Amino acid sequence: MSDYDQNNIFAKIIRGEIPSKKIYEDEKILAFEDISKAAPIHILVVPKGQFISFSDFVLKAGTDEVNNFFKKVAEIASNLGLDNSGYRLITNNGSDAGQTVFHFHVHILGKKKMSELL
C-alpha cells in the first residue's frame, strides 16, 4: 500500500466533512471520540498529515513531529484522568494487524479493566 486515500474517513473528519466529538485539536493533531467505543474512554488521535500507517508516519514525518505526536497522546490521556488507573494505546499497522482505516491513528482506551492482551 503506497498511495494515501484522501477520502478515508479520518481525512474527511480532519477536513470537517464528517462531524466528530473533538477532544483536542491543534495545527498538526486531532483527537476525537471513537463512535464504536471498546471502553468507557475511547479516543482516536490522528496526525493531520497524510500518513497511511505507523510505519509510514515514523519514516516520513520529522523527528520533532513524531515526538510531538506521542507527547500529545500522553498529555491527552493525562487530561482525561487516566494516569492513575492506566490506559491502553493501540495502533494497527497494515491489514494483517487489523488496520481498517489507512490513516495512521492511535487509540487511547481507559476506565475499563482490560485483559493483558487483546
Protein backbone atom coordinates (compact mmCIF):
# COMPACT_ATOMS: atom_id res chain seq x y z
CA MET A 1 0.00 0.00 0.00
CA SER A 2 1.66 3.21 -1.08
CA ASP A 3 -0.99 5.75 -2.02
CA TYR A 4 -2.78 7.79 0.63
CA ASP A 5 -6.56 7.82 0.16
CA GLN A 6 -7.70 11.43 0.56
CA ASN A 7 -11.27 10.19 1.01
CA ASN A 8 -10.67 7.94 4.02
CA ILE A 9 -12.96 8.68 6.96
CA PHE A 10 -10.24 10.30 9.09
CA ALA A 11 -9.22 12.64 6.27
CA LYS A 12 -12.87 13.68 5.99
CA ILE A 13 -13.09 14.21 9.76
CA ILE A 14 -9.90 16.32 9.70
CA ARG A 15 -11.38 18.46 6.89
CA GLY A 16 -14.63 18.84 8.82
CA GLU A 17 -16.72 16.98 6.22
CA ILE A 18 -17.80 14.42 8.83
CA PRO A 19 -18.63 15.61 12.35
CA SER A 20 -16.75 14.32 15.37
CA LYS A 21 -16.70 14.96 19.10
CA LYS A 22 -13.32 16.67 19.36
CA ILE A 23 -11.24 16.19 22.48
CA TYR A 24 -8.16 18.10 21.29
CA GLU A 25 -7.04 19.90 18.16
CA ASP A 26 -4.06 21.93 17.05
CA GLU A 27 -2.45 22.59 13.67
CA LYS A 28 -0.94 19.08 13.45
CA ILE A 29 -3.12 16.77 15.56
CA LEU A 30 -6.79 15.95 16.05
CA ALA A 31 -8.18 13.78 18.87
CA PHE A 32 -11.82 12.73 18.94
CA GLU A 33 -14.13 10.15 20.48
CA ASP A 34 -14.42 6.81 18.70
CA ILE A 35 -18.03 6.14 17.70
CA SER A 36 -17.52 2.39 18.31
CA LYS A 37 -16.25 2.50 21.87
CA ALA A 38 -14.36 -0.51 23.18
CA ALA A 39 -14.02 1.14 26.62
CA PRO A 40 -15.74 3.97 28.51
CA ILE A 41 -12.98 6.27 27.27
CA HIS A 42 -12.01 5.52 23.68
CA ILE A 43 -10.24 8.35 21.87
CA LEU A 44 -8.63 8.35 18.43
CA VAL A 45 -5.59 10.56 17.92
CA VAL A 46 -4.55 11.31 14.34
CA PRO A 47 -1.87 13.45 12.80
CA LYS A 48 -3.29 15.84 10.23
CA GLY A 49 -0.63 14.87 7.68
CA GLN A 50 -1.16 12.21 5.05
CA PHE A 51 0.32 9.15 6.75
CA ILE A 52 -1.07 5.70 5.96
CA SER A 53 0.25 3.73 8.94
CA PHE A 54 2.57 3.83 11.94
CA SER A 55 5.50 2.79 9.74
CA ASP A 56 4.64 5.46 7.18
CA PHE A 57 4.41 8.08 9.94
CA VAL A 58 7.76 7.32 11.59
CA LEU A 59 9.52 7.06 8.21
CA LYS A 60 8.09 10.22 6.63
CA ALA A 61 7.37 12.63 9.49
CA GLY A 62 10.21 14.57 11.01
CA THR A 63 11.62 13.64 14.41
CA ASP A 64 10.01 16.70 16.01
CA GLU A 65 6.60 15.80 14.57
CA VAL A 66 6.80 12.20 15.79
CA ASN A 67 8.00 13.31 19.22
CA ASN A 68 5.28 15.96 19.49
CA PHE A 69 2.58 13.49 18.43
CA PHE A 70 3.40 10.96 21.12
CA LYS A 71 3.88 13.62 23.80
CA LYS A 72 0.44 14.93 22.88
CA VAL A 73 -1.05 11.42 23.12
CA ALA A 74 0.35 11.19 26.69
CA GLU A 75 -0.96 14.67 27.53
CA ILE A 76 -4.44 13.83 26.22
CA ALA A 77 -4.52 10.62 28.29
CA SER A 78 -3.42 12.55 31.36
CA ASN A 79 -6.02 15.27 30.78
CA LEU A 80 -8.67 12.53 30.62
CA GLY A 81 -7.62 11.41 34.11
CA LEU A 82 -6.13 8.09 33.01
CA ASP A 83 -2.67 8.32 34.62
CA ASN A 84 -3.61 6.64 37.93
CA SER A 85 -5.87 3.86 36.68
CA GLY A 86 -3.93 3.22 33.49
CA TYR A 87 -4.80 3.10 29.83
CA ARG A 88 -4.01 1.21 26.68
CA LEU A 89 -2.61 2.57 23.42
CA ILE A 90 -3.32 0.65 20.24
CA THR A 91 -2.21 1.21 16.69
CA ASN A 92 -2.65 -1.36 13.95
CA ASN A 93 -0.06 -1.33 11.18
CA GLY A 94 -1.42 -2.92 8.00
CA SER A 95 -4.38 -5.09 7.15
CA ASP A 96 -2.99 -8.27 8.76
CA ALA A 97 -2.84 -6.37 12.06
CA GLY A 98 -6.45 -5.28 11.72
CA GLN A 99 -5.96 -1.77 10.34
CA THR A 100 -9.19 -0.77 8.60
CA VAL A 101 -8.68 2.98 8.16
CA PHE A 102 -5.46 3.67 6.32
CA HIS A 103 -4.65 6.94 8.03
CA PHE A 104 -2.23 6.50 10.94
CA HIS A 105 -4.01 6.73 14.27
CA VAL A 106 -3.64 5.75 17.90
CA HIS A 107 -6.49 4.53 20.09
CA ILE A 108 -6.47 5.60 23.76
CA LEU A 109 -8.64 3.24 25.83
CA GLY A 110 -9.34 3.72 29.52
CA LYS A 111 -11.66 3.49 32.50
CA LYS A 112 -12.08 -0.27 31.97
CA LYS A 113 -10.24 -3.24 33.43
CA MET A 114 -8.65 -4.92 30.43
CA SER A 115 -7.04 -8.30 29.92
CA GLU A 116 -3.29 -8.50 29.49
CA LEU A 117 -3.62 -8.86 25.73
CA LEU A 118 -6.42 -8.38 23.27
